[in-house]
């Protein structure tokens, strides 16, 4: 990049009504925004091959794509998880990958509680019955009181840390399992630290907030679902593959758990013939837990600010592979 040449920032895919918020931030360095005309590898490379930075939402940034990038210094994700970016390939190429871990925490924690309340109070089912002309309480019972029940939080990062006080406001006892959060942190938040096995067996309701890694894929498999209480509900606002959907459908249809509510599924959107769509005791929302008008502006702004920092020679706030920054610093020191 010559001094007179503005930096090029490629956007692989966008779910936003506009990219105005990101554009405003990037205008500080005179950056040109280029939106890919599709999310296939070829379309991404047409936009990003010679880009100085990449902004990505859901598109897959594979090792093959990364190998063909000629100038990229940063891949900044519009989101919290980075499982759609090949971190090993980016690190080997000297490209820093960033995320925005502190946006939409209000929205997702609200959505998790909304799904839980809707499932337990059987609101979607009741609504459907009334619209079908049936005004009968027996068709929706039993419904149980929330106060005095136990909610288990799988993971205790920023989002579940906001779920906990909301659940406690309903009179629920809250458990949490997270190998990366110290017990005193949970206890200070009024949450009882437990092992994952204890959480599964003791919880009346379970809300998943774990990252998707090779170790957590299908964390909720048939064996775990069998150990849940038959009256329990499962809520997932994290990542779809954390739950083995075939096992979940079986557990729901056989009545081995009372119900579930998912904002995320393994294949988004689910296929038209997906067994998930036939489960009457399952609530589905289309991965909207993160959404509010305000959160989208915050997300674009913070992701674009990471690009400005890195292209300006400053360290990003939320690097996923900080070893790249150390390598760059060491090289410059030489």
C-alpha atoms as a PDB file:
ATOM      1  CA  UNK A   1       0.000   0.000   0.000  1.00  0.00           C
ATOM      2  CA  UNK A   2       1.497   3.318  -1.077  1.00  0.00           C
ATOM      3  CA  UNK A   3       0.990   6.426   1.107  1.00  0.00           C
ATOM      4  CA  UNK A   4      -1.527   7.805  -1.392  1.00  0.00           C
ATOM      5  CA  UNK A   5      -3.475   4.588  -1.636  1.00  0.00           C
ATOM      6  CA  UNK A   6      -6.371   4.250   0.812  1.00  0.00           C
ATOM      7  CA  UNK A   7      -6.637   0.985   2.730  1.00  0.00           C
ATOM      8  CA  UNK A   8      -9.100  -1.523   1.353  1.00  0.00           C
ATOM      9  CA  UNK A   9     -11.477  -3.205   3.797  1.00  0.00           C
ATOM     10  CA  UNK A  10     -13.427  -6.151   2.386  1.00  0.00           C
ATOM     11  CA  UNK A  11     -16.772  -7.170   3.876  1.00  0.00           C
ATOM     12  CA  UNK A  12     -17.432 -10.841   3.170  1.00  0.00           C
ATOM     13  CA  UNK A  13     -21.106 -10.843   4.150  1.00  0.00           C
ATOM     14  CA  UNK A  14     -23.546  -8.578   5.909  1.00  0.00           C
ATOM     15  CA  UNK A  15     -26.826  -8.985   7.776  1.00  0.00           C
ATOM     16  CA  UNK A  16     -27.075  -5.254   8.381  1.00  0.00           C
ATOM     17  CA  UNK A  17     -29.574  -2.867   6.768  1.00  0.00           C
ATOM     18  CA  UNK A  18     -26.553  -0.732   5.940  1.00  0.00           C
ATOM     19  CA  UNK A  19     -22.841  -0.514   6.750  1.00  0.00           C
ATOM     20  CA  UNK A  20     -23.036   3.164   7.629  1.00  0.00           C
ATOM     21  CA  UNK A  21     -21.805   2.727  11.208  1.00  0.00           C
ATOM     22  CA  UNK A  22     -18.698   0.808  10.094  1.00  0.00           C
ATOM     23  CA  UNK A  23     -18.156   3.237   7.236  1.00  0.00           C
ATOM     24  CA  UNK A  24     -18.190   6.199   9.581  1.00  0.00           C
ATOM     25  CA  UNK A  25     -15.470   4.657  11.742  1.00  0.00           C
ATOM     26  CA  UNK A  26     -13.349   3.604   8.762  1.00  0.00           C
ATOM     27  CA  UNK A  27     -13.629   7.032   7.156  1.00  0.00           C
ATOM     28  CA  UNK A  28     -11.141   8.234   9.783  1.00  0.00           C
ATOM     29  CA  UNK A  29      -8.420   6.404   7.831  1.00  0.00           C
ATOM     30  CA  UNK A  30      -9.967   7.010   4.425  1.00  0.00           C
ATOM     31  CA  UNK A  31     -10.673   3.326   3.942  1.00  0.00           C
ATOM     32  CA  UNK A  32     -12.555   1.955   0.971  1.00  0.00           C
ATOM     33  CA  UNK A  33     -15.278  -0.570   1.840  1.00  0.00           C
ATOM     34  CA  UNK A  34     -15.851  -3.382  -0.633  1.00  0.00           C
ATOM     35  CA  UNK A  35     -18.747  -5.788  -0.103  1.00  0.00           C
ATOM     36  CA  UNK A  36     -18.404  -9.265  -1.592  1.00  0.00           C
ATOM     37  CA  UNK A  37     -21.152 -10.209  -4.029  1.00  0.00           C
ATOM     38  CA  UNK A  38     -21.605 -13.582  -2.330  1.00  0.00           C
ATOM     39  CA  UNK A  39     -20.270 -15.745   0.475  1.00  0.00           C
ATOM     40  CA  UNK A  40     -18.646 -18.435  -1.679  1.00  0.00           C
ATOM     41  CA  UNK A  41     -14.835 -18.694  -1.532  1.00  0.00           C
ATOM     42  CA  UNK A  42     -14.527 -17.231  -5.051  1.00  0.00           C
ATOM     43  CA  UNK A  43     -16.771 -14.282  -4.227  1.00  0.00           C
ATOM     44  CA  UNK A  44     -14.911 -13.604  -1.006  1.00  0.00           C
ATOM     45  CA  UNK A  45     -11.558 -13.690  -2.765  1.00  0.00           C
ATOM     46  CA  UNK A  46     -12.741 -11.339  -5.507  1.00  0.00           C
ATOM     47  CA  UNK A  47     -13.428  -8.758  -2.808  1.00  0.00           C
ATOM     48  CA  UNK A  48     -10.708  -9.612  -0.310  1.00  0.00           C
ATOM     49  CA  UNK A  49      -7.671 -11.014  -2.086  1.00  0.00           C
ATOM     50  CA  UNK A  50      -5.805  -7.683  -2.012  1.00  0.00           C
ATOM     51  CA  UNK A  51      -7.621  -6.198   0.991  1.00  0.00           C
ATOM     52  CA  UNK A  52      -5.763  -4.801   3.988  1.00  0.00           C
ATOM     53  CA  UNK A  53      -8.513  -5.960   6.341  1.00  0.00           C
ATOM     54  CA  UNK A  54     -11.575  -8.186   6.334  1.00  0.00           C
ATOM     55  CA  UNK A  55     -14.849  -7.721   8.169  1.00  0.00           C
ATOM     56  CA  UNK A  56     -16.816 -10.980   8.409  1.00  0.00           C
ATOM     57  CA  UNK A  57     -20.160 -12.028   9.828  1.00  0.00           C
ATOM     58  CA  UNK A  58     -21.061 -15.654   9.082  1.00  0.00           C
ATOM     59  CA  UNK A  59     -18.995 -16.426   5.961  1.00  0.00           C
ATOM     60  CA  UNK A  60     -16.379 -19.158   6.278  1.00  0.00           C
ATOM     61  CA  UNK A  61     -12.837 -17.796   6.190  1.00  0.00           C
ATOM     62  CA  UNK A  62     -11.046 -21.034   5.405  1.00  0.00           C
ATOM     63  CA  UNK A  63      -7.365 -21.873   5.298  1.00  0.00           C
ATOM     64  CA  UNK A  64      -7.522 -21.887   1.501  1.00  0.00           C
ATOM     65  CA  UNK A  65      -8.933 -18.357   1.435  1.00  0.00           C
ATOM     66  CA  UNK A  66      -6.383 -17.137   3.967  1.00  0.00           C
ATOM     67  CA  UNK A  67      -3.492 -18.538   1.933  1.00  0.00           C
ATOM     68  CA  UNK A  68      -4.572 -16.418  -1.041  1.00  0.00           C
ATOM     69  CA  UNK A  69      -4.780 -13.112   0.828  1.00  0.00           C
ATOM     70  CA  UNK A  70      -1.893 -10.896  -0.239  1.00  0.00           C
ATOM     71  CA  UNK A  71      -2.068  -7.916   2.151  1.00  0.00           C
ATOM     72  CA  UNK A  72      -4.518  -8.756   4.914  1.00  0.00           C
ATOM     73  CA  UNK A  73      -3.429  -7.766   8.425  1.00  0.00           C
ATOM     74  CA  UNK A  74      -6.669  -8.324  10.332  1.00  0.00           C
ATOM     75  CA  UNK A  75      -9.857 -10.362  10.146  1.00  0.00           C
ATOM     76  CA  UNK A  76     -12.397  -8.628  12.379  1.00  0.00           C
ATOM     77  CA  UNK A  77     -15.574 -10.544  13.129  1.00  0.00           C
ATOM     78  CA  UNK A  78     -18.947  -8.873  13.433  1.00  0.00           C
ATOM     79  CA  UNK A  79     -19.762 -11.036  16.452  1.00  0.00           C
ATOM     80  CA  UNK A  80     -18.578 -12.892  19.529  1.00  0.00           C
ATOM     81  CA  UNK A  81     -17.621 -16.367  18.299  1.00  0.00           C
ATOM     82  CA  UNK A  82     -14.917 -16.948  15.691  1.00  0.00           C
ATOM     83  CA  UNK A  83     -15.589 -20.578  14.801  1.00  0.00           C
ATOM     84  CA  UNK A  84     -16.084 -19.573  11.150  1.00  0.00           C
ATOM     85  CA  UNK A  85     -12.462 -18.395  10.859  1.00  0.00           C
ATOM     86  CA  UNK A  86      -9.537 -20.812  10.553  1.00  0.00           C
ATOM     87  CA  UNK A  87      -7.481 -19.431  13.428  1.00  0.00           C
ATOM     88  CA  UNK A  88      -4.465 -21.679  12.854  1.00  0.00           C
ATOM     89  CA  UNK A  89      -4.167 -20.573   9.229  1.00  0.00           C
ATOM     90  CA  UNK A  90      -4.605 -16.908  10.125  1.00  0.00           C
ATOM     91  CA  UNK A  91      -1.981 -17.153  12.839  1.00  0.00           C
ATOM     92  CA  UNK A  92       0.482 -18.887  10.529  1.00  0.00           C
ATOM     93  CA  UNK A  93      -0.071 -16.116   7.986  1.00  0.00           C
ATOM     94  CA  UNK A  94       0.517 -13.414  10.606  1.00  0.00           C
ATOM     95  CA  UNK A  95      -3.063 -12.139  10.473  1.00  0.00           C
ATOM     96  CA  UNK A  96      -4.649 -11.068  13.727  1.00  0.00           C
ATOM     97  CA  UNK A  97      -8.249 -12.169  14.278  1.00  0.00           C
ATOM     98  CA  UNK A  98     -10.539 -10.103  16.491  1.00  0.00           C
ATOM     99  CA  UNK A  99     -14.042 -10.355  17.872  1.00  0.00           C
ATOM    100  CA  UNK A 100     -16.546  -8.151  19.700  1.00  0.00           C
ATOM    101  CA  UNK A 101     -17.214  -9.970  22.971  1.00  0.00           C
ATOM    102  CA  UNK A 102     -19.016  -7.127  24.738  1.00  0.00           C
ATOM    103  CA  UNK A 103     -21.917  -6.314  22.423  1.00  0.00           C
ATOM    104  CA  UNK A 104     -25.486  -7.710  22.600  1.00  0.00           C
ATOM    105  CA  UNK A 105     -25.015  -9.026  26.124  1.00  0.00           C
ATOM    106  CA  UNK A 106     -28.265  -7.339  27.166  1.00  0.00           C
ATOM    107  CA  UNK A 107     -30.082  -8.665  24.114  1.00  0.00           C
ATOM    108  CA  UNK A 108     -28.949 -12.298  24.375  1.00  0.00           C
ATOM    109  CA  UNK A 109     -29.455 -12.486  28.134  1.00  0.00           C
ATOM    110  CA  UNK A 110     -32.956 -11.046  27.661  1.00  0.00           C
ATOM    111  CA  UNK A 111     -33.628 -13.502  24.839  1.00  0.00           C
ATOM    112  CA  UNK A 112     -32.495 -16.471  26.928  1.00  0.00           C
ATOM    113  CA  UNK A 113     -34.878 -15.468  29.696  1.00  0.00           C
ATOM    114  CA  UNK A 114     -37.662 -14.785  27.186  1.00  0.00           C
ATOM    115  CA  UNK A 115     -37.257 -18.259  25.680  1.00  0.00           C
ATOM    116  CA  UNK A 116     -37.227 -19.827  29.129  1.00  0.00           C
ATOM    117  CA  UNK A 117     -40.376 -17.993  30.200  1.00  0.00           C
ATOM    118  CA  UNK A 118     -42.131 -18.748  26.915  1.00  0.00           C
ATOM    119  CA  UNK A 119     -41.284 -22.438  27.212  1.00  0.00           C
ATOM    120  CA  UNK A 120     -42.202 -22.837  30.862  1.00  0.00           C
ATOM    121  CA  UNK A 121     -45.423 -20.805  30.569  1.00  0.00           C
ATOM    122  CA  UNK A 122     -46.158 -22.551  27.226  1.00  0.00           C
ATOM    123  CA  UNK A 123     -46.935 -19.219  25.604  1.00  0.00           C
ATOM    124  CA  UNK A 124     -46.416 -20.118  21.901  1.00  0.00           C
ATOM    125  CA  UNK A 125     -48.467 -23.318  22.293  1.00  0.00           C
ATOM    126  CA  UNK A 126     -51.228 -21.496  24.168  1.00  0.00           C
ATOM    127  CA  UNK A 127     -51.283 -18.744  21.567  1.00  0.00           C
ATOM    128  CA  UNK A 128     -51.585 -21.284  18.757  1.00  0.00           C
ATOM    129  CA  UNK A 129     -54.484 -23.043  20.495  1.00  0.00           C
ATOM    130  CA  UNK A 130     -56.372 -19.778  21.036  1.00  0.00           C
ATOM    131  CA  UNK A 131     -55.862 -18.751  17.397  1.00  0.00           C
ATOM    132  CA  UNK A 132     -57.196 -22.161  16.408  1.00  0.00           C
ATOM    133  CA  UNK A 133     -60.400 -21.391  18.322  1.00  0.00           C
ATOM    134  CA  UNK A 134     -59.665 -23.388  21.464  1.00  0.00           C
ATOM    135  CA  UNK A 135     -59.939 -21.575  24.805  1.00  0.00           C
ATOM    136  CA  UNK A 136     -59.252 -24.462  27.173  1.00  0.00           C
ATOM    137  CA  UNK A 137     -56.780 -24.537  30.041  1.00  0.00           C
ATOM    138  CA  UNK A 138     -56.471 -28.357  30.180  1.00  0.00           C
ATOM    139  CA  UNK A 139     -54.767 -28.407  26.768  1.00  0.00           C
ATOM    140  CA  UNK A 140     -51.760 -26.459  28.106  1.00  0.00           C
ATOM    141  CA  UNK A 141     -51.244 -27.892  31.576  1.00  0.00           C
ATOM    142  CA  UNK A 142     -49.172 -28.722  33.530  1.00  0.00           C
ATOM    143  CA  UNK A 143     -47.433 -25.394  34.099  1.00  0.00           C
ATOM    144  CA  UNK A 144     -45.129 -25.023  37.077  1.00  0.00           C
ATOM    145  CA  UNK A 145     -44.074 -22.071  39.201  1.00  0.00           C
ATOM    146  CA  UNK A 146     -40.601 -20.632  38.534  1.00  0.00           C
ATOM    147  CA  UNK A 147     -39.898 -19.462  42.066  1.00  0.00           C
ATOM    148  CA  UNK A 148     -37.884 -22.042  43.953  1.00  0.00           C
ATOM    149  CA  UNK A 149     -36.671 -23.853  40.844  1.00  0.00           C
ATOM    150  CA  UNK A 150     -33.066 -24.193  39.694  1.00  0.00           C
ATOM    151  CA  UNK A 151     -31.506 -22.721  36.562  1.00  0.00           C
ATOM    152  CA  UNK A 152     -28.166 -24.086  35.359  1.00  0.00           C
ATOM    153  CA  UNK A 153     -25.912 -21.846  33.269  1.00  0.00           C
ATOM    154  CA  UNK A 154     -23.421 -23.673  31.065  1.00  0.00           C
ATOM    155  CA  UNK A 155     -20.658 -21.082  30.836  1.00  0.00           C
ATOM    156  CA  UNK A 156     -20.346 -17.961  32.945  1.00  0.00           C
ATOM    157  CA  UNK A 157     -19.058 -15.273  30.622  1.00  0.00           C
ATOM    158  CA  UNK A 158     -20.543 -11.849  30.051  1.00  0.00           C
ATOM    159  CA  UNK A 159     -23.969 -13.002  28.847  1.00  0.00           C
ATOM    160  CA  UNK A 160     -24.759 -15.580  31.549  1.00  0.00           C
ATOM    161  CA  UNK A 161     -23.469 -13.124  34.133  1.00  0.00           C
ATOM    162  CA  UNK A 162     -26.417 -10.952  33.088  1.00  0.00           C
ATOM    163  CA  UNK A 163     -28.828 -13.904  32.912  1.00  0.00           C
ATOM    164  CA  UNK A 164     -28.104 -14.780  36.547  1.00  0.00           C
ATOM    165  CA  UNK A 165     -29.593 -11.666  38.230  1.00  0.00           C
ATOM    166  CA  UNK A 166     -32.589 -11.754  35.874  1.00  0.00           C
ATOM    167  CA  UNK A 167     -33.276 -15.359  36.871  1.00  0.00           C
ATOM    168  CA  UNK A 168     -32.772 -14.585  40.536  1.00  0.00           C
ATOM    169  CA  UNK A 169     -35.346 -11.802  40.232  1.00  0.00           C
ATOM    170  CA  UNK A 170     -37.865 -14.555  39.437  1.00  0.00           C
ATOM    171  CA  UNK A 171     -36.860 -16.367  42.623  1.00  0.00           C
ATOM    172  CA  UNK A 172     -34.723 -19.003  40.927  1.00  0.00           C
ATOM    173  CA  UNK A 173     -31.625 -20.605  42.380  1.00  0.00           C
ATOM    174  CA  UNK A 174     -28.788 -20.344  39.862  1.00  0.00           C
ATOM    175  CA  UNK A 175     -25.992 -22.836  39.252  1.00  0.00           C
ATOM    176  CA  UNK A 176     -23.095 -22.318  36.860  1.00  0.00           C
ATOM    177  CA  UNK A 177     -20.419 -24.518  35.350  1.00  0.00           C
ATOM    178  CA  UNK A 178     -17.420 -22.961  33.641  1.00  0.00           C
ATOM    179  CA  UNK A 179     -13.874 -24.368  33.859  1.00  0.00           C
ATOM    180  CA  UNK A 180     -12.434 -20.937  33.034  1.00  0.00           C
ATOM    181  CA  UNK A 181     -14.209 -18.905  35.725  1.00  0.00           C
ATOM    182  CA  UNK A 182     -13.099 -19.121  39.338  1.00  0.00           C
ATOM    183  CA  UNK A 183     -15.628 -20.205  41.951  1.00  0.00           C
ATOM    184  CA  UNK A 184     -15.304 -16.924  43.943  1.00  0.00           C
ATOM    185  CA  UNK A 185     -16.421 -14.971  40.855  1.00  0.00           C
ATOM    186  CA  UNK A 186     -19.584 -17.059  40.626  1.00  0.00           C
ATOM    187  CA  UNK A 187     -20.218 -16.880  44.347  1.00  0.00           C
ATOM    188  CA  UNK A 188     -19.837 -13.094  44.324  1.00  0.00           C
ATOM    189  CA  UNK A 189     -22.576 -13.014  41.690  1.00  0.00           C
ATOM    190  CA  UNK A 190     -24.892 -15.071  43.877  1.00  0.00           C
ATOM    191  CA  UNK A 191     -24.387 -18.189  41.769  1.00  0.00           C
ATOM    192  CA  UNK A 192     -23.464 -21.650  43.014  1.00  0.00           C
ATOM    193  CA  UNK A 193     -20.434 -23.109  41.187  1.00  0.00           C
ATOM    194  CA  UNK A 194     -20.868 -26.759  40.236  1.00  0.00           C
ATOM    195  CA  UNK A 195     -19.429 -29.321  37.862  1.00  0.00           C
ATOM    196  CA  UNK A 196     -21.082 -29.869  34.506  1.00  0.00           C
ATOM    197  CA  UNK A 197     -22.409 -33.254  35.630  1.00  0.00           C
ATOM    198  CA  UNK A 198     -23.912 -31.736  38.776  1.00  0.00           C
ATOM    199  CA  UNK A 199     -25.524 -28.987  36.742  1.00  0.00           C
ATOM    200  CA  UNK A 200     -27.126 -31.438  34.311  1.00  0.00           C
ATOM    201  CA  UNK A 201     -28.573 -33.568  37.086  1.00  0.00           C
ATOM    202  CA  UNK A 202     -29.745 -30.795  39.419  1.00  0.00           C
ATOM    203  CA  UNK A 203     -31.145 -28.163  37.074  1.00  0.00           C
ATOM    204  CA  UNK A 204     -34.829 -27.706  36.314  1.00  0.00           C
ATOM    205  CA  UNK A 205     -33.823 -25.507  33.405  1.00  0.00           C
ATOM    206  CA  UNK A 206     -30.517 -25.298  31.548  1.00  0.00           C
ATOM    207  CA  UNK A 207     -29.341 -22.330  29.493  1.00  0.00           C
ATOM    208  CA  UNK A 208     -26.304 -22.863  27.266  1.00  0.00           C
ATOM    209  CA  UNK A 209     -23.711 -20.079  26.921  1.00  0.00           C
ATOM    210  CA  UNK A 210     -20.547 -22.004  26.020  1.00  0.00           C
ATOM    211  CA  UNK A 211     -18.306 -21.324  23.017  1.00  0.00           C
ATOM    212  CA  UNK A 212     -18.240 -23.806  20.159  1.00  0.00           C
ATOM    213  CA  UNK A 213     -14.956 -25.725  20.137  1.00  0.00           C
ATOM    214  CA  UNK A 214     -14.034 -29.273  19.113  1.00  0.00           C
ATOM    215  CA  UNK A 215     -14.446 -30.222  22.776  1.00  0.00           C
ATOM    216  CA  UNK A 216     -17.921 -28.686  23.158  1.00  0.00           C
ATOM    217  CA  UNK A 217     -19.427 -29.825  19.849  1.00  0.00           C
ATOM    218  CA  UNK A 218     -22.477 -31.954  20.711  1.00  0.00           C
ATOM    219  CA  UNK A 219     -21.857 -31.261  24.386  1.00  0.00           C
ATOM    220  CA  UNK A 220     -25.525 -32.048  24.874  1.00  0.00           C
ATOM    221  CA  UNK A 221     -25.635 -35.495  23.354  1.00  0.00           C
ATOM    222  CA  UNK A 222     -27.987 -38.397  24.020  1.00  0.00           C
ATOM    223  CA  UNK A 223     -26.140 -39.374  27.195  1.00  0.00           C
ATOM    224  CA  UNK A 224     -26.337 -35.896  28.725  1.00  0.00           C
ATOM    225  CA  UNK A 225     -29.968 -35.445  27.740  1.00  0.00           C
ATOM    226  CA  UNK A 226     -30.825 -38.745  29.466  1.00  0.00           C
ATOM    227  CA  UNK A 227     -29.368 -37.400  32.716  1.00  0.00           C
ATOM    228  CA  UNK A 228     -31.537 -34.296  32.679  1.00  0.00           C
ATOM    229  CA  UNK A 229     -34.724 -34.277  34.720  1.00  0.00           C
ATOM    230  CA  UNK A 230     -37.788 -35.397  32.746  1.00  0.00           C
ATOM    231  CA  UNK A 231     -39.396 -32.078  33.730  1.00  0.00           C
ATOM    232  CA  UNK A 232     -36.404 -30.035  32.556  1.00  0.00           C
ATOM    233  CA  UNK A 233     -36.192 -27.520  29.705  1.00  0.00           C
ATOM    234  CA  UNK A 234     -33.119 -26.763  27.590  1.00  0.00           C
ATOM    235  CA  UNK A 235     -32.417 -23.283  26.182  1.00  0.00           C
ATOM    236  CA  UNK A 236     -29.655 -22.579  23.644  1.00  0.00           C
ATOM    237  CA  UNK A 237     -28.726 -19.054  22.537  1.00  0.00           C
ATOM    238  CA  UNK A 238     -25.035 -19.849  21.944  1.00  0.00           C
ATOM    239  CA  UNK A 239     -24.173 -22.070  18.967  1.00  0.00           C
ATOM    240  CA  UNK A 240     -26.329 -24.734  17.316  1.00  0.00           C
ATOM    241  CA  UNK A 241     -23.762 -27.560  17.189  1.00  0.00           C
ATOM    242  CA  UNK A 242     -23.450 -27.528  20.982  1.00  0.00           C
ATOM    243  CA  UNK A 243     -26.595 -29.672  20.915  1.00  0.00           C
ATOM    244  CA  UNK A 244     -26.922 -32.995  19.102  1.00  0.00           C
ATOM    245  CA  UNK A 245     -30.195 -32.254  17.332  1.00  0.00           C
ATOM    246  CA  UNK A 246     -31.045 -35.865  16.520  1.00  0.00           C
ATOM    247  CA  UNK A 247     -30.665 -36.741  20.196  1.00  0.00           C
ATOM    248  CA  UNK A 248     -32.697 -33.687  21.210  1.00  0.00           C
ATOM    249  CA  UNK A 249     -35.561 -34.546  18.867  1.00  0.00           C
ATOM    250  CA  UNK A 250     -35.609 -38.075  20.285  1.00  0.00           C
ATOM    251  CA  UNK A 251     -35.614 -36.778  23.866  1.00  0.00           C
ATOM    252  CA  UNK A 252     -38.445 -34.351  23.092  1.00  0.00           C
ATOM    253  CA  UNK A 253     -40.634 -36.806  21.192  1.00  0.00           C
ATOM    254  CA  UNK A 254     -40.177 -39.518  23.797  1.00  0.00           C
ATOM    255  CA  UNK A 255     -40.880 -37.098  26.649  1.00  0.00           C
ATOM    256  CA  UNK A 256     -37.496 -37.612  28.302  1.00  0.00           C
ATOM    257  CA  UNK A 257     -37.271 -33.844  28.804  1.00  0.00           C
ATOM    258  CA  UNK A 258     -40.219 -31.453  28.984  1.00  0.00           C
ATOM    259  CA  UNK A 259     -39.161 -29.065  26.249  1.00  0.00           C
ATOM    260  CA  UNK A 260     -36.510 -26.909  24.637  1.00  0.00           C
ATOM    261  CA  UNK A 261     -36.095 -23.461  23.116  1.00  0.00           C
ATOM    262  CA  UNK A 262     -33.427 -22.769  20.506  1.00  0.00           C
ATOM    263  CA  UNK A 263     -32.293 -19.515  18.927  1.00  0.00           C
ATOM    264  CA  UNK A 264     -29.519 -21.380  17.087  1.00  0.00           C
ATOM    265  CA  UNK A 265     -29.475 -24.692  15.215  1.00  0.00           C
ATOM    266  CA  UNK A 266     -26.837 -26.779  13.482  1.00  0.00           C
ATOM    267  CA  UNK A 267     -28.004 -25.821   9.994  1.00  0.00           C
ATOM    268  CA  UNK A 268     -29.336 -22.286   9.684  1.00  0.00           C
ATOM    269  CA  UNK A 269     -31.999 -22.095   8.458  1.00  0.00           C
ATOM    270  CA  UNK A 270     -33.135 -25.673   9.151  1.00  0.00           C
ATOM    271  CA  UNK A 271     -34.150 -27.724   6.139  1.00  0.00           C
ATOM    272  CA  UNK A 272     -37.855 -27.753   5.354  1.00  0.00           C
ATOM    273  CA  UNK A 273     -38.088 -31.400   6.411  1.00  0.00           C
ATOM    274  CA  UNK A 274     -36.083 -31.015   9.613  1.00  0.00           C
ATOM    275  CA  UNK A 275     -37.488 -33.106  12.496  1.00  0.00           C
ATOM    276  CA  UNK A 276     -37.023 -30.039  14.693  1.00  0.00           C
ATOM    277  CA  UNK A 277     -39.993 -28.432  12.963  1.00  0.00           C
ATOM    278  CA  UNK A 278     -42.316 -31.253  14.036  1.00  0.00           C
ATOM    279  CA  UNK A 279     -41.656 -31.014  17.792  1.00  0.00           C
ATOM    280  CA  UNK A 280     -44.578 -29.345  19.530  1.00  0.00           C
ATOM    281  CA  UNK A 281     -42.584 -28.891  22.739  1.00  0.00           C
ATOM    282  CA  UNK A 282     -39.802 -26.970  20.977  1.00  0.00           C
ATOM    283  CA  UNK A 283     -39.643 -23.196  20.462  1.00  0.00           C
ATOM    284  CA  UNK A 284     -37.477 -21.912  17.603  1.00  0.00           C
ATOM    285  CA  UNK A 285     -36.374 -18.355  16.868  1.00  0.00           C
ATOM    286  CA  UNK A 286     -34.229 -17.493  13.809  1.00  0.00           C
ATOM    287  CA  UNK A 287     -30.922 -16.570  15.495  1.00  0.00           C
ATOM    288  CA  UNK A 288     -32.267 -13.189  16.578  1.00  0.00           C
ATOM    289  CA  UNK A 289     -31.070 -13.219  20.173  1.00  0.00           C
ATOM    290  CA  UNK A 290     -28.277 -10.773  19.386  1.00  0.00           C
ATOM    291  CA  UNK A 291     -30.531  -8.312  17.626  1.00  0.00           C
ATOM    292  CA  UNK A 292     -31.598  -4.820  18.518  1.00  0.00           C
ATOM    293  CA  UNK A 293     -31.199  -1.685  16.449  1.00  0.00           C
ATOM    294  CA  UNK A 294     -28.766  -0.438  19.064  1.00  0.00           C
ATOM    295  CA  UNK A 295     -26.686  -3.617  19.228  1.00  0.00           C
ATOM    296  CA  UNK A 296     -26.091  -3.613  15.463  1.00  0.00           C
ATOM    297  CA  UNK A 297     -24.666  -0.103  15.562  1.00  0.00           C
ATOM    298  CA  UNK A 298     -22.486  -1.071  18.520  1.00  0.00           C
ATOM    299  CA  UNK A 299     -21.291  -4.218  16.742  1.00  0.00           C
ATOM    300  CA  UNK A 300     -20.355  -2.463  13.509  1.00  0.00           C
ATOM    301  CA  UNK A 301     -18.629   0.338  15.368  1.00  0.00           C
ATOM    302  CA  UNK A 302     -16.517  -1.890  17.592  1.00  0.00           C
ATOM    303  CA  UNK A 303     -15.527  -4.304  14.801  1.00  0.00           C
ATOM    304  CA  UNK A 304     -14.490  -1.404  12.555  1.00  0.00           C
ATOM    305  CA  UNK A 305     -12.554   0.234  15.387  1.00  0.00           C
ATOM    306  CA  UNK A 306     -10.409  -2.907  15.610  1.00  0.00           C
ATOM    307  CA  UNK A 307      -9.538  -2.515  11.921  1.00  0.00           C
ATOM    308  CA  UNK A 308      -8.594   1.141  12.420  1.00  0.00           C
ATOM    309  CA  UNK A 309      -6.356   0.258  15.357  1.00  0.00           C
ATOM    310  CA  UNK A 310      -4.503  -2.536  13.584  1.00  0.00           C
ATOM    311  CA  UNK A 311      -4.034  -0.684  10.298  1.00  0.00           C
ATOM    312  CA  UNK A 312      -2.834   2.289  12.320  1.00  0.00           C
ATOM    313  CA  UNK A 313      -0.177   0.208  14.064  1.00  0.00           C
ATOM    314  CA  UNK A 314      -2.016  -0.078  17.369  1.00  0.00           C
ATOM    315  CA  UNK A 315      -2.923  -3.341  19.153  1.00  0.00           C
ATOM    316  CA  UNK A 316      -6.585  -4.408  18.945  1.00  0.00           C
ATOM    317  CA  UNK A 317      -8.714  -4.554  22.057  1.00  0.00           C
ATOM    318  CA  UNK A 318      -9.974  -8.108  21.580  1.00  0.00           C
ATOM    319  CA  UNK A 319      -7.481 -10.288  19.688  1.00  0.00           C
ATOM    320  CA  UNK A 320      -8.333 -13.972  19.493  1.00  0.00           C
ATOM    321  CA  UNK A 321      -4.787 -14.972  18.518  1.00  0.00           C
ATOM    322  CA  UNK A 322      -2.595 -12.501  20.467  1.00  0.00           C
ATOM    323  CA  UNK A 323       0.517 -14.541  19.627  1.00  0.00           C
ATOM    324  CA  UNK A 324       0.442 -12.842  16.227  1.00  0.00           C
ATOM    325  CA  UNK A 325       0.878  -9.471  17.910  1.00  0.00           C
ATOM    326  CA  UNK A 326       3.839 -10.769  19.904  1.00  0.00           C
ATOM    327  CA  UNK A 327       5.465 -12.092  16.753  1.00  0.00           C
ATOM    328  CA  UNK A 328       4.994  -8.750  14.993  1.00  0.00           C
ATOM    329  CA  UNK A 329       6.398  -6.870  17.984  1.00  0.00           C
ATOM    330  CA  UNK A 330       9.427  -9.160  18.104  1.00  0.00           C
ATOM    331  CA  UNK A 331      10.057  -8.731  14.383  1.00  0.00           C
ATOM    332  CA  UNK A 332       9.868  -4.951  14.651  1.00  0.00           C
ATOM    333  CA  UNK A 333      12.219  -4.978  17.630  1.00  0.00           C
ATOM    334  CA  UNK A 334      14.872  -6.700  15.523  1.00  0.00           C
END
